[in-house]
Amino acid sequence: MNLKFLGTGGGRYTMIEQLRRTGGMFLQDEDLSVYIDPGPGALLQAREDGIGLEELDALIVTHAHLDHMGDMHAIIEAMTKGGDREEGILLAAESVLEGADIPGKYTDGEGTYGERVPPALDPYHERLVPEMKLLEDGKELELGHLTMRCLETEHSDPRTVAFTLGVGGREYGFVSDTGFFPGLVDFFQGSDALILNMMRPHDHEWKGHLSTEDAAKLLEEVEPEFGVMQHFGAAMIHGSVKEEGKWLKERSDVDFAMAEDGMEIDLDQPKKGLEKSIKS
């Protein structure tokens, strides 16, 4: 199963300045193709990389923040050929489909969205999608030949979901935007690979997001075969992703890579071809 990082940037400043691309991830094997979190630039980056969106099987949107769903409607248009193709599934968090009230601890301060996240999916594109599935805490569902499990995270969009995808006795964990909490370890225990959204350096905490220090703790306690750090915020990028990788290397025995735009890995053999990226 192949995973391509079309954009490894996250957060509004990275997105605005395009310090790194914000196009999300594309997952594919011979039977299934899935786009994950199509932030701004997703459509263009997919086209530039020769990805056939008109044959896309599914679109996953973990929450209703712009750097995760800015190109959602454009990808829906492509997936459904403007409504002419009656195929394709949208799997999305409740906030994307219906909106969600924001907990009080997130209504003030950095990155606040106020008291409510409005629905992200507009009525026109909702009608274009042949099938929709709600992603919510504790839910398990089938996505083609994959088994998907969902966990609600601790983030300013309170319905943000992290998830795992299981197939052939292996399970891959996708840690969306979240602060660190014990439930993360329990949920991802047994994952063969972890893909982590790591927004901040180890000495720059941000409520509702993982820092390098949080990533070290998660890798240590889950002990996956392999980890990939991605979705870097501006403080990570300006402060040097490479230096944070060195800091993490000193604190983790798990092999990992600091993702780059356009990087591609085989989740069944995640270390293959990435020797230069691992722990660098």
C-alpha atoms as a PDB file:
ATOM      1  CA  MET A   1       0.000   0.000   0.000  1.00  0.00           C
ATOM      2  CA  ASN A   2       1.542   3.264  -1.167  1.00  0.00           C
ATOM      3  CA  LEU A   3       1.255   6.584   0.702  1.00  0.00           C
ATOM      4  CA  LYS A   4       2.257   9.860  -0.936  1.00  0.00           C
ATOM      5  CA  PHE A   5       2.659  13.125   0.966  1.00  0.00           C
ATOM      6  CA  LEU A   6       1.355  15.762  -1.444  1.00  0.00           C
ATOM      7  CA  GLY A   7       1.863  18.448   1.180  1.00  0.00           C
ATOM      8  CA  THR A   8       3.571  18.286   4.576  1.00  0.00           C
ATOM      9  CA  GLY A   9       2.663  21.766   5.844  1.00  0.00           C
ATOM     10  CA  GLY A  10       0.059  22.554   8.498  1.00  0.00           C
ATOM     11  CA  GLY A  11      -1.390  25.534  10.297  1.00  0.00           C
ATOM     12  CA  ARG A  12      -2.553  28.880   8.962  1.00  0.00           C
ATOM     13  CA  TYR A  13       0.837  30.595   8.574  1.00  0.00           C
ATOM     14  CA  THR A  14       2.389  27.682   6.733  1.00  0.00           C
ATOM     15  CA  MET A  15      -0.740  27.531   4.587  1.00  0.00           C
ATOM     16  CA  ILE A  16      -0.885  31.259   3.836  1.00  0.00           C
ATOM     17  CA  GLU A  17       2.790  31.549   2.933  1.00  0.00           C
ATOM     18  CA  GLN A  18       3.014  28.030   1.458  1.00  0.00           C
ATOM     19  CA  LEU A  19       6.191  27.421   3.445  1.00  0.00           C
ATOM     20  CA  ARG A  20       5.377  23.843   2.577  1.00  0.00           C
ATOM     21  CA  ARG A  21       2.559  22.552   0.416  1.00  0.00           C
ATOM     22  CA  THR A  22      -0.743  21.832   2.162  1.00  0.00           C
ATOM     23  CA  GLY A  23      -2.219  19.251  -0.181  1.00  0.00           C
ATOM     24  CA  GLY A  24      -2.708  16.343   2.229  1.00  0.00           C
ATOM     25  CA  MET A  25      -1.989  12.681   1.516  1.00  0.00           C
ATOM     26  CA  PHE A  26      -2.875  10.142  -1.161  1.00  0.00           C
ATOM     27  CA  LEU A  27      -3.175   6.438  -0.329  1.00  0.00           C
ATOM     28  CA  GLN A  28      -3.323   3.792  -3.026  1.00  0.00           C
ATOM     29  CA  ASP A  29      -3.015   0.104  -3.740  1.00  0.00           C
ATOM     30  CA  GLU A  30      -4.212  -1.973  -6.687  1.00  0.00           C
ATOM     31  CA  ASP A  31      -7.814  -2.000  -5.422  1.00  0.00           C
ATOM     32  CA  LEU A  32      -8.381   1.354  -3.729  1.00  0.00           C
ATOM     33  CA  SER A  33      -7.411   5.032  -3.923  1.00  0.00           C
ATOM     34  CA  VAL A  34      -8.070   7.437  -1.055  1.00  0.00           C
ATOM     35  CA  TYR A  35      -7.365  11.162  -0.611  1.00  0.00           C
ATOM     36  CA  ILE A  36      -6.813  12.281   3.004  1.00  0.00           C
ATOM     37  CA  ASP A  37      -7.296  15.860   4.246  1.00  0.00           C
ATOM     38  CA  PRO A  38      -7.222  17.923   1.027  1.00  0.00           C
ATOM     39  CA  GLY A  39      -5.939  21.305   2.192  1.00  0.00           C
ATOM     40  CA  PRO A  40      -5.360  24.272  -0.154  1.00  0.00           C
ATOM     41  CA  GLY A  41      -3.431  23.156  -3.227  1.00  0.00           C
ATOM     42  CA  ALA A  42      -4.714  19.565  -3.133  1.00  0.00           C
ATOM     43  CA  LEU A  43      -6.266  19.629  -6.589  1.00  0.00           C
ATOM     44  CA  LEU A  44      -3.247  21.225  -8.290  1.00  0.00           C
ATOM     45  CA  GLN A  45      -0.730  18.994  -6.545  1.00  0.00           C
ATOM     46  CA  ALA A  46      -2.677  15.858  -7.455  1.00  0.00           C
ATOM     47  CA  ARG A  47      -2.756  16.974 -11.095  1.00  0.00           C
ATOM     48  CA  GLU A  48       0.945  17.768 -11.119  1.00  0.00           C
ATOM     49  CA  ASP A  49       1.677  14.301  -9.725  1.00  0.00           C
ATOM     50  CA  GLY A  50      -0.509  12.554 -12.295  1.00  0.00           C
ATOM     51  CA  ILE A  51      -3.096  11.300  -9.819  1.00  0.00           C
ATOM     52  CA  GLY A  52      -6.349  10.314 -11.550  1.00  0.00           C
ATOM     53  CA  LEU A  53      -8.929  11.956  -9.336  1.00  0.00           C
ATOM     54  CA  GLU A  54     -11.772  10.901 -11.646  1.00  0.00           C
ATOM     55  CA  GLU A  55     -11.128   7.351 -10.438  1.00  0.00           C
ATOM     56  CA  LEU A  56     -10.829   8.266  -6.755  1.00  0.00           C
ATOM     57  CA  ASP A  57     -12.674   5.822  -4.497  1.00  0.00           C
ATOM     58  CA  ALA A  58     -12.849   7.823  -1.290  1.00  0.00           C
ATOM     59  CA  LEU A  59     -12.117  11.168   0.333  1.00  0.00           C
ATOM     60  CA  ILE A  60     -11.358  11.362   4.075  1.00  0.00           C
ATOM     61  CA  VAL A  61     -11.682  14.686   5.911  1.00  0.00           C
ATOM     62  CA  THR A  62     -10.685  14.496   9.568  1.00  0.00           C
ATOM     63  CA  HIS A  63     -12.008  17.911  10.601  1.00  0.00           C
ATOM     64  CA  ALA A  64     -13.281  21.275   9.446  1.00  0.00           C
ATOM     65  CA  HIS A  65     -10.140  23.428   9.520  1.00  0.00           C
ATOM     66  CA  LEU A  66      -8.998  25.043   6.299  1.00  0.00           C
ATOM     67  CA  ASP A  67      -5.569  23.389   6.116  1.00  0.00           C
ATOM     68  CA  HIS A  68      -7.364  20.022   6.082  1.00  0.00           C
ATOM     69  CA  MET A  69     -10.355  20.707   3.841  1.00  0.00           C
ATOM     70  CA  GLY A  70      -9.659  23.853   1.792  1.00  0.00           C
ATOM     71  CA  ASP A  71      -9.850  21.894  -1.484  1.00  0.00           C
ATOM     72  CA  MET A  72     -12.528  19.441  -0.345  1.00  0.00           C
ATOM     73  CA  HIS A  73     -15.155  20.743  -2.763  1.00  0.00           C
ATOM     74  CA  ALA A  74     -12.710  20.738  -5.671  1.00  0.00           C
ATOM     75  CA  ILE A  75     -11.728  17.121  -4.969  1.00  0.00           C
ATOM     76  CA  ILE A  76     -15.420  16.163  -4.755  1.00  0.00           C
ATOM     77  CA  GLU A  77     -15.973  17.801  -8.149  1.00  0.00           C
ATOM     78  CA  ALA A  78     -13.085  15.798  -9.609  1.00  0.00           C
ATOM     79  CA  MET A  79     -14.061  12.520  -7.921  1.00  0.00           C
ATOM     80  CA  THR A  80     -17.630  12.742  -9.220  1.00  0.00           C
ATOM     81  CA  LYS A  81     -16.719  14.340 -12.581  1.00  0.00           C
ATOM     82  CA  GLY A  82     -18.885  17.311 -11.684  1.00  0.00           C
ATOM     83  CA  GLY A  83     -21.761  15.000 -10.764  1.00  0.00           C
ATOM     84  CA  ASP A  84     -21.599  12.772 -13.872  1.00  0.00           C
ATOM     85  CA  ARG A  85     -19.909   9.895 -12.009  1.00  0.00           C
ATOM     86  CA  GLU A  86     -22.017   8.193  -9.386  1.00  0.00           C
ATOM     87  CA  GLU A  87     -19.098   6.756  -7.484  1.00  0.00           C
ATOM     88  CA  GLY A  88     -16.923   7.898  -4.612  1.00  0.00           C
ATOM     89  CA  ILE A  89     -17.390   8.051  -0.853  1.00  0.00           C
ATOM     90  CA  LEU A  90     -16.910  11.018   1.462  1.00  0.00           C
ATOM     91  CA  LEU A  91     -15.867   9.978   4.969  1.00  0.00           C
ATOM     92  CA  ALA A  92     -15.901  13.003   7.233  1.00  0.00           C
ATOM     93  CA  ALA A  93     -16.078  14.174  10.808  1.00  0.00           C
ATOM     94  CA  GLU A  94     -19.332  15.527  12.202  1.00  0.00           C
ATOM     95  CA  SER A  95     -17.993  19.082  12.155  1.00  0.00           C
ATOM     96  CA  VAL A  96     -17.422  18.830   8.394  1.00  0.00           C
ATOM     97  CA  LEU A  97     -20.940  17.598   7.716  1.00  0.00           C
ATOM     98  CA  GLU A  98     -22.965  19.353  10.415  1.00  0.00           C
ATOM     99  CA  GLY A  99     -20.734  21.775  12.346  1.00  0.00           C
ATOM    100  CA  ALA A 100     -19.859  21.535  16.049  1.00  0.00           C
ATOM    101  CA  ASP A 101     -19.780  23.640  19.206  1.00  0.00           C
ATOM    102  CA  ILE A 102     -16.258  24.439  20.419  1.00  0.00           C
ATOM    103  CA  PRO A 103     -15.345  23.688  24.076  1.00  0.00           C
ATOM    104  CA  GLY A 104     -14.744  26.760  26.209  1.00  0.00           C
ATOM    105  CA  LYS A 105     -11.014  26.102  26.609  1.00  0.00           C
ATOM    106  CA  TYR A 106     -10.583  26.633  22.850  1.00  0.00           C
ATOM    107  CA  THR A 107     -12.787  29.697  22.337  1.00  0.00           C
ATOM    108  CA  ASP A 108     -10.058  32.171  23.330  1.00  0.00           C
ATOM    109  CA  GLY A 109      -6.403  32.488  22.430  1.00  0.00           C
ATOM    110  CA  GLU A 110      -4.239  31.432  19.504  1.00  0.00           C
ATOM    111  CA  GLY A 111      -6.067  30.071  16.480  1.00  0.00           C
ATOM    112  CA  THR A 112      -9.537  30.463  17.970  1.00  0.00           C
ATOM    113  CA  TYR A 113     -12.560  29.810  15.775  1.00  0.00           C
ATOM    114  CA  GLY A 114     -15.038  31.321  18.225  1.00  0.00           C
ATOM    115  CA  GLU A 115     -17.810  29.279  19.815  1.00  0.00           C
ATOM    116  CA  ARG A 116     -18.786  27.080  16.871  1.00  0.00           C
ATOM    117  CA  VAL A 117     -17.265  25.419  13.828  1.00  0.00           C
ATOM    118  CA  PRO A 118     -19.753  25.873  10.957  1.00  0.00           C
ATOM    119  CA  PRO A 119     -20.484  22.976   8.575  1.00  0.00           C
ATOM    120  CA  ALA A 120     -17.768  22.817   5.922  1.00  0.00           C
ATOM    121  CA  LEU A 121     -19.637  20.856   3.252  1.00  0.00           C
ATOM    122  CA  ASP A 122     -21.983  23.007   1.167  1.00  0.00           C
ATOM    123  CA  PRO A 123     -25.398  21.667   0.032  1.00  0.00           C
ATOM    124  CA  TYR A 124     -24.480  21.533  -3.661  1.00  0.00           C
ATOM    125  CA  HIS A 125     -21.448  19.289  -3.150  1.00  0.00           C
ATOM    126  CA  GLU A 126     -23.326  17.219  -0.603  1.00  0.00           C
ATOM    127  CA  ARG A 127     -25.747  16.346  -3.408  1.00  0.00           C
ATOM    128  CA  LEU A 128     -22.873  15.411  -5.730  1.00  0.00           C
ATOM    129  CA  VAL A 129     -21.461  12.767  -3.385  1.00  0.00           C
ATOM    130  CA  PRO A 130     -23.113   9.363  -3.969  1.00  0.00           C
ATOM    131  CA  GLU A 131     -22.284   8.115  -0.471  1.00  0.00           C
ATOM    132  CA  MET A 132     -21.249   9.702   2.818  1.00  0.00           C
ATOM    133  CA  LYS A 133     -20.053   8.083   6.025  1.00  0.00           C
ATOM    134  CA  LEU A 134     -19.774   9.859   9.369  1.00  0.00           C
ATOM    135  CA  LEU A 135     -16.483   9.472  11.227  1.00  0.00           C
ATOM    136  CA  GLU A 136     -16.997   9.571  14.982  1.00  0.00           C
ATOM    137  CA  ASP A 137     -15.441   8.347  18.200  1.00  0.00           C
ATOM    138  CA  GLY A 138     -15.442   4.579  18.606  1.00  0.00           C
ATOM    139  CA  LYS A 139     -16.822   3.888  15.151  1.00  0.00           C
ATOM    140  CA  GLU A 140     -15.503   1.009  13.042  1.00  0.00           C
ATOM    141  CA  LEU A 141     -16.362   0.754   9.371  1.00  0.00           C
ATOM    142  CA  GLU A 142     -15.275  -0.859   6.139  1.00  0.00           C
ATOM    143  CA  LEU A 143     -13.581   1.115   3.386  1.00  0.00           C
ATOM    144  CA  GLY A 144     -13.213  -1.285   0.497  1.00  0.00           C
ATOM    145  CA  HIS A 145     -10.917  -4.037   1.780  1.00  0.00           C
ATOM    146  CA  LEU A 146      -9.704  -1.845   4.656  1.00  0.00           C
ATOM    147  CA  THR A 147     -11.059  -1.767   8.195  1.00  0.00           C
ATOM    148  CA  MET A 148     -11.182   1.746   9.638  1.00  0.00           C
ATOM    149  CA  ARG A 149     -11.334   2.622  13.349  1.00  0.00           C
ATOM    150  CA  CYS A 150     -11.941   6.168  14.619  1.00  0.00           C
ATOM    151  CA  LEU A 151     -10.935   8.141  17.703  1.00  0.00           C
ATOM    152  CA  GLU A 152     -12.068  11.636  18.660  1.00  0.00           C
ATOM    153  CA  THR A 153      -9.022  13.761  19.458  1.00  0.00           C
ATOM    154  CA  GLU A 154      -8.387  16.777  21.691  1.00  0.00           C
ATOM    155  CA  HIS A 155      -8.395  19.705  19.285  1.00  0.00           C
ATOM    156  CA  SER A 156     -10.101  23.081  18.810  1.00  0.00           C
ATOM    157  CA  ASP A 157     -12.460  21.364  16.382  1.00  0.00           C
ATOM    158  CA  PRO A 158     -13.924  18.992  19.000  1.00  0.00           C
ATOM    159  CA  ARG A 159     -15.052  16.419  16.424  1.00  0.00           C
ATOM    160  CA  THR A 160     -11.606  15.922  14.878  1.00  0.00           C
ATOM    161  CA  VAL A 161     -10.895  12.240  14.297  1.00  0.00           C
ATOM    162  CA  ALA A 162      -7.706  10.209  14.205  1.00  0.00           C
ATOM    163  CA  PHE A 163      -7.992   6.784  12.619  1.00  0.00           C
ATOM    164  CA  THR A 164      -6.369   3.484  11.797  1.00  0.00           C
ATOM    165  CA  LEU A 165      -6.587   1.488   8.579  1.00  0.00           C
ATOM    166  CA  GLY A 166      -6.163  -2.263   8.845  1.00  0.00           C
ATOM    167  CA  VAL A 167      -5.550  -4.815   6.126  1.00  0.00           C
ATOM    168  CA  GLY A 168      -3.858  -8.216   5.920  1.00  0.00           C
ATOM    169  CA  GLY A 169      -2.936  -8.338   9.585  1.00  0.00           C
ATOM    170  CA  ARG A 170      -1.254  -4.913   9.519  1.00  0.00           C
ATOM    171  CA  GLU A 171      -2.639  -1.653  10.884  1.00  0.00           C
ATOM    172  CA  TYR A 172      -1.584   1.879  10.010  1.00  0.00           C
ATOM    173  CA  GLY A 173      -2.281   4.778  12.353  1.00  0.00           C
ATOM    174  CA  PHE A 174      -3.022   8.314  11.216  1.00  0.00           C
ATOM    175  CA  VAL A 175      -2.707  10.799  14.076  1.00  0.00           C
ATOM    176  CA  SER A 176      -4.592  13.916  13.038  1.00  0.00           C
ATOM    177  CA  ASP A 177      -4.421  17.283  14.821  1.00  0.00           C
ATOM    178  CA  THR A 178      -4.587  16.705  18.570  1.00  0.00           C
ATOM    179  CA  GLY A 179      -2.995  17.408  21.876  1.00  0.00           C
ATOM    180  CA  PHE A 180      -1.396  14.490  23.703  1.00  0.00           C
ATOM    181  CA  PHE A 181      -3.717  12.452  25.932  1.00  0.00           C
ATOM    182  CA  PRO A 182      -3.503   8.856  27.251  1.00  0.00           C
ATOM    183  CA  GLY A 183      -6.263   7.655  24.947  1.00  0.00           C
ATOM    184  CA  LEU A 184      -3.952   8.159  21.977  1.00  0.00           C
ATOM    185  CA  VAL A 185      -1.577   5.512  23.256  1.00  0.00           C
ATOM    186  CA  ASP A 186      -4.376   3.042  23.944  1.00  0.00           C
ATOM    187  CA  PHE A 187      -5.978   3.592  20.550  1.00  0.00           C
ATOM    188  CA  PHE A 188      -2.808   3.273  18.463  1.00  0.00           C
ATOM    189  CA  GLN A 189      -1.286   0.413  20.449  1.00  0.00           C
ATOM    190  CA  GLY A 190      -0.358  -2.330  17.989  1.00  0.00           C
ATOM    191  CA  SER A 191      -0.073  -0.027  14.971  1.00  0.00           C
ATOM    192  CA  ASP A 192       2.681  -1.121  12.595  1.00  0.00           C
ATOM    193  CA  ALA A 193       3.261   2.433  11.354  1.00  0.00           C
ATOM    194  CA  LEU A 194       2.262   5.845  12.705  1.00  0.00           C
ATOM    195  CA  ILE A 195       1.759   8.989  10.608  1.00  0.00           C
ATOM    196  CA  LEU A 196       1.877  11.941  13.019  1.00  0.00           C
ATOM    197  CA  ASN A 197       0.807  15.554  12.575  1.00  0.00           C
ATOM    198  CA  MET A 198       3.605  17.324  14.464  1.00  0.00           C
ATOM    199  CA  MET A 199       2.936  21.041  14.433  1.00  0.00           C
ATOM    200  CA  ARG A 200       5.407  22.468  16.933  1.00  0.00           C
ATOM    201  CA  PRO A 201       9.052  22.124  18.084  1.00  0.00           C
ATOM    202  CA  HIS A 202       9.711  20.450  21.437  1.00  0.00           C
ATOM    203  CA  ASP A 203       9.924  23.777  23.294  1.00  0.00           C
ATOM    204  CA  HIS A 204       6.869  25.439  21.649  1.00  0.00           C
ATOM    205  CA  GLU A 205       3.704  23.906  23.035  1.00  0.00           C
ATOM    206  CA  TRP A 206       0.360  24.729  21.416  1.00  0.00           C
ATOM    207  CA  LYS A 207      -2.875  23.600  22.993  1.00  0.00           C
ATOM    208  CA  GLY A 208      -4.595  20.982  20.871  1.00  0.00           C
ATOM    209  CA  HIS A 209      -1.514  20.056  18.795  1.00  0.00           C
ATOM    210  CA  LEU A 210       1.440  17.685  19.075  1.00  0.00           C
ATOM    211  CA  SER A 211       4.963  18.969  19.570  1.00  0.00           C
ATOM    212  CA  THR A 212       8.163  17.002  18.930  1.00  0.00           C
ATOM    213  CA  GLU A 213       8.211  16.165  22.638  1.00  0.00           C
ATOM    214  CA  ASP A 214       4.687  14.743  22.388  1.00  0.00           C
ATOM    215  CA  ALA A 215       5.701  12.752  19.315  1.00  0.00           C
ATOM    216  CA  ALA A 216       8.635  11.246  21.217  1.00  0.00           C
ATOM    217  CA  LYS A 217       6.308  10.183  24.006  1.00  0.00           C
ATOM    218  CA  LEU A 218       3.810   8.657  21.582  1.00  0.00           C
ATOM    219  CA  LEU A 219       6.484   6.727  19.674  1.00  0.00           C
ATOM    220  CA  GLU A 220       8.004   5.469  22.909  1.00  0.00           C
ATOM    221  CA  GLU A 221       4.714   4.214  24.327  1.00  0.00           C
ATOM    222  CA  VAL A 222       3.122   2.826  21.140  1.00  0.00           C
ATOM    223  CA  GLU A 223       6.369   1.363  19.724  1.00  0.00           C
ATOM    224  CA  PRO A 224       5.355   1.114  16.053  1.00  0.00           C
ATOM    225  CA  GLU A 225       7.677  -0.436  13.517  1.00  0.00           C
ATOM    226  CA  PHE A 226       8.043   2.944  11.864  1.00  0.00           C
ATOM    227  CA  GLY A 227       6.880   6.547  12.184  1.00  0.00           C
ATOM    228  CA  VAL A 228       6.544   9.496   9.809  1.00  0.00           C
ATOM    229  CA  MET A 229       6.374  13.078  11.102  1.00  0.00           C
ATOM    230  CA  GLN A 230       4.467  15.521   8.888  1.00  0.00           C
ATOM    231  CA  HIS A 231       2.010  18.478   8.858  1.00  0.00           C
ATOM    232  CA  PHE A 232       4.627  20.910  10.158  1.00  0.00           C
ATOM    233  CA  GLY A 233       3.672  24.353  11.428  1.00  0.00           C
ATOM    234  CA  ALA A 234       5.557  27.573  10.740  1.00  0.00           C
ATOM    235  CA  ALA A 235       7.486  27.404  14.031  1.00  0.00           C
ATOM    236  CA  MET A 236       8.724  23.935  13.064  1.00  0.00           C
ATOM    237  CA  ILE A 237       9.742  25.016   9.585  1.00  0.00           C
ATOM    238  CA  HIS A 238      11.418  28.287  10.566  1.00  0.00           C
ATOM    239  CA  GLY A 239      13.096  26.602  13.544  1.00  0.00           C
ATOM    240  CA  SER A 240      14.333  23.743  11.302  1.00  0.00           C
ATOM    241  CA  VAL A 241      12.528  20.469  10.778  1.00  0.00           C
ATOM    242  CA  LYS A 242      15.919  18.794  10.456  1.00  0.00           C
ATOM    243  CA  GLU A 243      17.043  19.985  13.886  1.00  0.00           C
ATOM    244  CA  GLU A 244      13.814  18.745  15.453  1.00  0.00           C
ATOM    245  CA  GLY A 245      14.474  15.402  13.786  1.00  0.00           C
ATOM    246  CA  LYS A 246      17.877  15.273  15.488  1.00  0.00           C
ATOM    247  CA  TRP A 247      16.246  16.123  18.836  1.00  0.00           C
ATOM    248  CA  LEU A 248      13.702  13.353  18.348  1.00  0.00           C
ATOM    249  CA  LYS A 249      16.369  10.848  17.323  1.00  0.00           C
ATOM    250  CA  GLU A 250      18.067  11.269  20.688  1.00  0.00           C
ATOM    251  CA  ARG A 251      14.849  10.403  22.505  1.00  0.00           C
ATOM    252  CA  SER A 252      13.316   7.634  20.438  1.00  0.00           C
ATOM    253  CA  ASP A 253      14.412   4.126  19.525  1.00  0.00           C
ATOM    254  CA  VAL A 254      11.726   3.915  16.835  1.00  0.00           C
ATOM    255  CA  ASP A 255      12.820   4.387  13.229  1.00  0.00           C
ATOM    256  CA  PHE A 256      11.168   7.444  11.741  1.00  0.00           C
ATOM    257  CA  ALA A 257      11.337   9.903   8.877  1.00  0.00           C
ATOM    258  CA  MET A 258      10.669  13.628   8.732  1.00  0.00           C
ATOM    259  CA  ALA A 259       8.389  13.841   5.699  1.00  0.00           C
ATOM    260  CA  GLU A 260       9.054  16.093   2.734  1.00  0.00           C
ATOM    261  CA  ASP A 261       6.636  17.314   0.078  1.00  0.00           C
ATOM    262  CA  GLY A 262       6.259  14.632  -2.558  1.00  0.00           C
ATOM    263  CA  MET A 263       7.723  11.868  -0.405  1.00  0.00           C
ATOM    264  CA  GLU A 264       6.345   8.418  -1.058  1.00  0.00           C
ATOM    265  CA  ILE A 265       6.441   5.297   1.124  1.00  0.00           C
ATOM    266  CA  ASP A 266       5.254   1.707   0.882  1.00  0.00           C
ATOM    267  CA  LEU A 267       3.411   1.130   4.165  1.00  0.00           C
ATOM    268  CA  ASP A 268       4.056  -2.608   3.918  1.00  0.00           C
ATOM    269  CA  GLN A 269       7.820  -1.925   3.731  1.00  0.00           C
ATOM    270  CA  PRO A 270       8.073   1.614   5.123  1.00  0.00           C
ATOM    271  CA  LYS A 271      11.859   1.670   5.480  1.00  0.00           C
ATOM    272  CA  LYS A 272      12.540   0.624   1.904  1.00  0.00           C
ATOM    273  CA  GLY A 273      14.035   3.475  -0.089  1.00  0.00           C
ATOM    274  CA  LEU A 274      13.933   5.875   2.854  1.00  0.00           C
ATOM    275  CA  GLU A 275      17.267   5.142   4.466  1.00  0.00           C
ATOM    276  CA  LYS A 276      18.376   8.756   3.952  1.00  0.00           C
ATOM    277  CA  SER A 277      15.177  10.125   5.489  1.00  0.00           C
ATOM    278  CA  ILE A 278      15.084   7.867   8.531  1.00  0.00           C
ATOM    279  CA  LYS A 279      16.148   9.730  11.644  1.00  0.00           C
ATOM    280  CA  SER A 280      17.536  12.652   9.664  1.00  0.00           C
END
